[in-house]
Amino acid sequence: MKSNKNNHYLKLPFIILLIFVFINFNGNAQEQEQAFKPSGKIWGLMFGDVFYKAAGDTLAFGRSEYAKEPTESLGAKLRRVYFGYDFNISPRWSTRFLLEGTS
């Protein structure tokens, strides 16, 4: 019977794959639960546009949003702004205070 030398090279990637499958990379499986502490978090979110009008319609023509801006103008516009505070009262209850501003 003839032996194939390439057969050894096919087994090596399979062995390496098995090693990676059976190794546990996450050692946090048996963490103990910590006591709950009420906590809060302040957060914010903004959506907006920044524009530069290189060329286009003049001040009198055009229907796009920035058509009335002069040529070669640079600007910004905030479309929506959120400011909030989240507070966790208990592990099952939380509250949120939210301020919203739109254009």
Protein backbone atom coordinates (compact mmCIF):
# COMPACT_ATOMS: atom_id res chain seq x y z
CA MET A 1 0.00 0.00 0.00
CA LYS A 2 1.21 3.45 -0.90
CA SER A 3 1.38 6.14 1.83
CA ASN A 4 0.48 9.69 1.05
CA LYS A 5 2.80 12.33 2.54
CA ASN A 6 0.19 15.11 2.15
CA ASN A 7 -2.20 13.27 4.49
CA HIS A 8 -0.15 14.52 7.47
CA TYR A 9 -0.63 18.16 6.40
CA LEU A 10 -4.40 17.75 6.21
CA LYS A 11 -4.63 16.50 9.80
CA LEU A 12 -2.69 19.44 11.29
CA PRO A 13 -5.34 22.15 10.62
CA PHE A 14 -8.04 19.83 11.93
CA ILE A 15 -6.10 19.27 15.17
CA ILE A 16 -5.53 23.02 15.59
CA LEU A 17 -9.25 23.65 15.04
CA LEU A 18 -10.17 21.10 17.72
CA ILE A 19 -7.80 22.75 20.18
CA PHE A 20 -9.45 26.16 19.65
CA VAL A 21 -12.93 24.68 19.96
CA PHE A 22 -12.27 22.99 23.29
CA ILE A 23 -10.27 25.78 24.95
CA ASN A 24 -12.38 28.06 27.10
CA PHE A 25 -11.29 31.65 26.50
CA ASN A 26 -13.88 33.15 28.86
CA GLY A 27 -12.89 32.48 32.47
CA ASN A 28 -15.85 34.40 33.94
CA ALA A 29 -18.29 31.50 33.91
CA GLN A 30 -18.49 31.19 37.70
CA GLU A 31 -18.59 34.83 38.76
CA GLN A 32 -20.52 35.50 41.91
CA GLU A 33 -23.43 37.91 41.75
CA GLN A 34 -22.66 41.29 43.28
CA ALA A 35 -25.08 43.16 45.52
CA PHE A 36 -27.26 45.70 43.72
CA LYS A 37 -26.46 49.40 44.18
CA PRO A 38 -28.83 52.08 42.83
CA SER A 39 -26.99 54.02 40.14
CA GLY A 40 -27.61 56.58 37.42
CA LYS A 41 -26.13 57.65 34.12
CA ILE A 42 -26.26 60.95 32.21
CA TRP A 43 -26.26 60.64 28.42
CA GLY A 44 -26.81 62.70 25.30
CA LEU A 45 -27.33 62.25 21.58
CA MET A 46 -27.25 64.76 18.70
CA PHE A 47 -28.12 64.53 15.01
CA GLY A 48 -27.18 67.26 12.60
CA ASP A 49 -25.80 68.39 9.25
CA VAL A 50 -22.62 70.14 8.23
CA PHE A 51 -22.66 71.64 4.75
CA TYR A 52 -20.48 73.51 2.30
CA LYS A 53 -22.14 75.00 -0.76
CA ALA A 54 -19.49 75.02 -3.49
CA ALA A 55 -21.85 76.06 -6.30
CA GLY A 56 -25.50 75.81 -7.18
CA ASP A 57 -28.67 77.82 -7.19
CA THR A 58 -28.54 81.50 -6.35
CA LEU A 59 -30.47 83.10 -3.49
CA ALA A 60 -33.66 83.56 -5.51
CA PHE A 61 -33.96 80.10 -7.11
CA GLY A 62 -34.03 76.49 -5.97
CA ARG A 63 -36.19 74.44 -3.66
CA SER A 64 -33.63 72.43 -1.71
CA GLU A 65 -33.06 73.03 1.97
CA TYR A 66 -29.84 74.97 1.56
CA ALA A 67 -30.68 76.63 -1.80
CA LYS A 68 -31.01 80.06 -0.21
CA GLU A 69 -27.52 79.91 1.25
CA PRO A 70 -24.95 81.96 -0.68
CA THR A 71 -22.34 80.17 -2.81
CA GLU A 72 -19.19 79.03 -0.96
CA SER A 73 -20.91 79.16 2.42
CA LEU A 74 -20.14 76.75 5.24
CA GLY A 75 -22.59 75.94 8.02
CA ALA A 76 -24.11 73.47 10.44
CA LYS A 77 -27.60 72.64 11.61
CA LEU A 78 -28.68 70.55 14.60
CA ARG A 79 -31.72 68.47 13.68
CA ARG A 80 -32.42 66.73 16.97
CA VAL A 81 -30.81 66.81 20.42
CA TYR A 82 -31.51 64.48 23.36
CA PHE A 83 -30.28 64.86 26.93
CA GLY A 84 -31.27 62.20 29.40
CA TYR A 85 -30.71 60.69 32.82
CA ASP A 86 -31.31 56.99 33.52
CA PHE A 87 -31.61 55.82 37.12
CA ASN A 88 -31.82 52.16 38.21
CA ILE A 89 -34.05 52.00 41.28
CA SER A 90 -33.84 48.22 41.73
CA PRO A 91 -32.69 45.27 39.60
CA ARG A 92 -36.15 45.19 37.98
CA TRP A 93 -37.14 48.91 37.93
CA SER A 94 -35.55 51.90 36.25
CA THR A 95 -36.53 55.47 35.41
CA ARG A 96 -35.60 57.88 32.60
CA PHE A 97 -35.76 61.68 32.43
CA LEU A 98 -35.47 62.93 28.84
CA LEU A 99 -35.20 66.41 27.30
CA GLU A 100 -35.65 66.63 23.53
CA GLY A 101 -35.03 69.51 21.16
CA THR A 102 -35.85 69.60 17.45
CA SER A 103 -35.21 72.11 14.70
